[in-house]
N, C-alpha and C. Protein backbone atom coordinates (compact mmCIF):
# COMPACT_ATOMS: atom_id res chain seq x y z
N UNK A 1 -17.71 -0.83 -2.68
CA UNK A 1 -17.64 0.53 -3.09
C UNK A 1 -16.42 0.80 -3.92
N UNK A 2 -16.27 2.03 -4.28
CA UNK A 2 -15.14 2.47 -5.10
C UNK A 2 -13.97 2.81 -4.19
N UNK A 3 -12.79 2.35 -4.58
CA UNK A 3 -11.57 2.62 -3.82
C UNK A 3 -10.71 3.55 -4.65
N UNK A 4 -10.41 4.75 -4.13
CA UNK A 4 -9.53 5.68 -4.81
C UNK A 4 -8.10 5.35 -4.46
N UNK A 5 -7.24 5.26 -5.48
CA UNK A 5 -5.85 4.90 -5.25
C UNK A 5 -4.94 5.82 -6.06
N UNK A 6 -3.79 6.13 -5.49
CA UNK A 6 -2.79 6.91 -6.20
C UNK A 6 -2.01 6.00 -7.14
N UNK A 7 -1.18 6.59 -7.99
CA UNK A 7 -0.36 5.80 -8.90
C UNK A 7 0.58 4.89 -8.12
N UNK A 8 1.12 5.39 -7.02
CA UNK A 8 2.02 4.60 -6.20
C UNK A 8 1.31 3.38 -5.62
N UNK A 9 0.08 3.57 -5.16
CA UNK A 9 -0.69 2.46 -4.60
C UNK A 9 -1.07 1.45 -5.69
N UNK A 10 -1.38 1.94 -6.88
CA UNK A 10 -1.68 1.03 -7.99
C UNK A 10 -0.46 0.22 -8.38
N UNK A 11 0.72 0.86 -8.36
CA UNK A 11 1.96 0.16 -8.65
C UNK A 11 2.20 -0.92 -7.60
N UNK A 12 2.00 -0.59 -6.33
CA UNK A 12 2.17 -1.56 -5.26
C UNK A 12 1.21 -2.73 -5.44
N UNK A 13 -0.01 -2.45 -5.82
CA UNK A 13 -1.01 -3.49 -6.02
C UNK A 13 -0.56 -4.46 -7.11
N UNK A 14 -0.04 -3.92 -8.21
CA UNK A 14 0.44 -4.76 -9.31
C UNK A 14 1.63 -5.62 -8.87
N UNK A 15 2.57 -5.02 -8.17
CA UNK A 15 3.75 -5.75 -7.71
C UNK A 15 3.35 -6.83 -6.71
N UNK A 16 2.45 -6.51 -5.79
CA UNK A 16 2.01 -7.51 -4.80
C UNK A 16 1.24 -8.65 -5.45
N UNK A 17 0.47 -8.36 -6.48
CA UNK A 17 -0.24 -9.43 -7.19
C UNK A 17 0.75 -10.36 -7.87
N UNK A 18 1.80 -9.80 -8.48
CA UNK A 18 2.83 -10.64 -9.11
C UNK A 18 3.61 -11.42 -8.06
N UNK A 19 3.86 -10.82 -6.91
CA UNK A 19 4.57 -11.51 -5.83
C UNK A 19 3.71 -12.65 -5.28
N UNK A 20 2.43 -12.42 -5.14
CA UNK A 20 1.53 -13.43 -4.59
C UNK A 20 1.39 -14.63 -5.53
N UNK A 21 1.53 -14.38 -6.84
CA UNK A 21 1.43 -15.48 -7.81
C UNK A 21 2.81 -16.07 -8.14
N UNK A 22 3.81 -15.76 -7.31
CA UNK A 22 5.17 -16.31 -7.44
C UNK A 22 5.87 -15.94 -8.74
N UNK A 23 5.53 -14.79 -9.32
CA UNK A 23 6.24 -14.32 -10.50
C UNK A 23 7.37 -13.36 -10.15
N UNK A 24 7.44 -12.97 -8.87
CA UNK A 24 8.50 -12.09 -8.37
C UNK A 24 9.02 -12.64 -7.06
N UNK A 25 10.28 -12.32 -6.75
CA UNK A 25 10.82 -12.64 -5.43
C UNK A 25 10.55 -11.46 -4.51
N UNK A 26 10.69 -11.68 -3.22
CA UNK A 26 10.47 -10.62 -2.25
C UNK A 26 11.47 -9.49 -2.46
N UNK A 27 12.73 -9.84 -2.72
CA UNK A 27 13.74 -8.81 -2.93
C UNK A 27 13.45 -7.98 -4.18
N UNK A 28 13.01 -8.63 -5.26
CA UNK A 28 12.69 -7.90 -6.48
C UNK A 28 11.48 -6.99 -6.26
N UNK A 29 10.47 -7.51 -5.55
CA UNK A 29 9.28 -6.71 -5.27
C UNK A 29 9.63 -5.52 -4.39
N UNK A 30 10.48 -5.73 -3.39
CA UNK A 30 10.90 -4.64 -2.51
C UNK A 30 11.62 -3.56 -3.31
N UNK A 31 12.46 -3.98 -4.24
CA UNK A 31 13.17 -3.01 -5.09
C UNK A 31 12.22 -2.21 -5.96
N UNK A 32 11.21 -2.86 -6.52
CA UNK A 32 10.26 -2.16 -7.38
C UNK A 32 9.40 -1.16 -6.60
N UNK A 33 9.12 -1.47 -5.34
CA UNK A 33 8.28 -0.59 -4.53
C UNK A 33 9.10 0.39 -3.69
N UNK A 34 10.42 0.27 -3.73
CA UNK A 34 11.31 1.13 -2.95
C UNK A 34 11.04 1.04 -1.46
N UNK A 35 10.84 -0.19 -0.96
CA UNK A 35 10.67 -0.45 0.45
C UNK A 35 11.58 -1.61 0.84
N UNK A 36 11.67 -1.89 2.12
CA UNK A 36 12.51 -2.99 2.60
C UNK A 36 11.77 -4.32 2.43
N UNK A 37 12.51 -5.43 2.42
CA UNK A 37 11.83 -6.73 2.35
C UNK A 37 10.85 -6.95 3.51
N UNK A 38 11.21 -6.45 4.69
CA UNK A 38 10.30 -6.60 5.83
C UNK A 38 8.98 -5.89 5.58
N UNK A 39 9.04 -4.66 5.05
CA UNK A 39 7.82 -3.93 4.73
C UNK A 39 7.05 -4.63 3.61
N UNK A 40 7.76 -5.27 2.70
CA UNK A 40 7.12 -6.00 1.62
C UNK A 40 6.28 -7.15 2.18
N UNK A 41 6.83 -7.87 3.17
CA UNK A 41 6.07 -8.94 3.81
C UNK A 41 4.82 -8.38 4.51
N UNK A 42 4.94 -7.22 5.14
CA UNK A 42 3.78 -6.60 5.80
C UNK A 42 2.70 -6.24 4.78
N UNK A 43 3.12 -5.64 3.66
CA UNK A 43 2.17 -5.26 2.62
C UNK A 43 1.52 -6.49 2.00
N UNK A 44 2.30 -7.55 1.80
CA UNK A 44 1.76 -8.78 1.23
C UNK A 44 0.72 -9.39 2.16
N UNK A 45 0.97 -9.35 3.45
CA UNK A 45 0.02 -9.87 4.41
C UNK A 45 -1.29 -9.08 4.37
N UNK A 46 -1.20 -7.74 4.32
CA UNK A 46 -2.39 -6.91 4.22
C UNK A 46 -3.13 -7.18 2.92
N UNK A 47 -2.38 -7.36 1.83
CA UNK A 47 -2.99 -7.62 0.52
C UNK A 47 -3.76 -8.94 0.54
N UNK A 48 -3.17 -9.97 1.14
CA UNK A 48 -3.82 -11.28 1.20
C UNK A 48 -5.07 -11.26 2.06
N UNK A 49 -5.07 -10.45 3.11
CA UNK A 49 -6.23 -10.40 4.00
C UNK A 49 -7.35 -9.51 3.46
N UNK A 50 -6.99 -8.37 2.88
CA UNK A 50 -8.02 -7.40 2.52
C UNK A 50 -8.11 -7.03 1.06
N UNK A 51 -7.22 -7.54 0.23
CA UNK A 51 -7.27 -7.22 -1.19
C UNK A 51 -6.81 -5.80 -1.48
N UNK A 52 -7.31 -5.25 -2.57
CA UNK A 52 -6.86 -3.94 -3.04
C UNK A 52 -7.20 -2.82 -2.05
N UNK A 53 -8.34 -2.92 -1.39
CA UNK A 53 -8.73 -1.84 -0.48
C UNK A 53 -7.82 -1.76 0.74
N UNK A 54 -7.13 -2.84 1.09
CA UNK A 54 -6.23 -2.82 2.23
C UNK A 54 -4.93 -2.08 1.92
N UNK A 55 -4.58 -1.99 0.64
CA UNK A 55 -3.35 -1.32 0.23
C UNK A 55 -3.56 0.20 0.15
N UNK A 56 -4.78 0.63 -0.11
CA UNK A 56 -5.07 2.06 -0.22
C UNK A 56 -4.85 2.73 1.13
N UNK A 57 -4.49 4.00 1.11
CA UNK A 57 -4.26 4.78 2.31
C UNK A 57 -5.55 4.84 3.13
N UNK A 58 -5.49 4.34 4.35
CA UNK A 58 -6.69 4.28 5.20
C UNK A 58 -7.08 5.64 5.77
N UNK A 59 -6.16 6.59 5.76
CA UNK A 59 -6.45 7.92 6.34
C UNK A 59 -6.90 8.93 5.29
N UNK A 60 -7.11 8.50 4.06
CA UNK A 60 -7.53 9.42 3.02
C UNK A 60 -8.88 10.03 3.39
N UNK A 61 -8.95 11.35 3.31
CA UNK A 61 -10.19 12.04 3.63
C UNK A 61 -10.31 12.48 5.08
N UNK A 62 -9.41 12.01 5.95
CA UNK A 62 -9.44 12.40 7.36
C UNK A 62 -8.57 13.62 7.58
N UNK A 63 -8.88 14.44 8.56
CA UNK A 63 -8.03 15.61 8.83
C UNK A 63 -6.67 15.18 9.38
N UNK A 64 -5.67 16.00 9.13
CA UNK A 64 -4.31 15.73 9.58
C UNK A 64 -4.21 15.80 11.10
N UNK A 65 -3.33 15.00 11.67
CA UNK A 65 -3.09 15.07 13.10
C UNK A 65 -2.34 16.35 13.48
N UNK A 66 -1.64 16.94 12.52
CA UNK A 66 -0.82 18.13 12.79
C UNK A 66 -1.50 19.42 12.30
N UNK A 67 -2.79 19.39 12.15
CA UNK A 67 -3.48 20.58 11.64
C UNK A 67 -3.51 21.70 12.68
N UNK A 68 -3.63 22.90 12.19
CA UNK A 68 -3.75 24.07 13.07
C UNK A 68 -5.20 24.14 13.53
N UNK A 69 -5.41 24.42 14.79
CA UNK A 69 -6.78 24.45 15.32
C UNK A 69 -7.61 25.54 14.62
N UNK A 70 -8.91 25.36 14.64
CA UNK A 70 -9.82 26.30 13.98
C UNK A 70 -9.80 27.67 14.66
N UNK A 71 -9.39 27.72 15.93
CA UNK A 71 -9.35 28.97 16.68
C UNK A 71 -8.28 29.91 16.15
N UNK A 72 -7.23 29.33 15.57
CA UNK A 72 -6.13 30.15 15.04
C UNK A 72 -6.48 30.58 13.67
């Protein structure tokens, strides 16, 4: 199916693809994505297992956990 992604997620996808093909180091990739190296390893693992759809926000389209109840 079609995966909707924000610009930030598309940027992450590009950086992770370059990291996976050894064109970037983990520290450089972390700097480009504005995350820590540890988070970069987590994202890379998700990318390798699930591809582009794993990087997209999984809660997109779901109601917020902090929403005001319908009664109010």
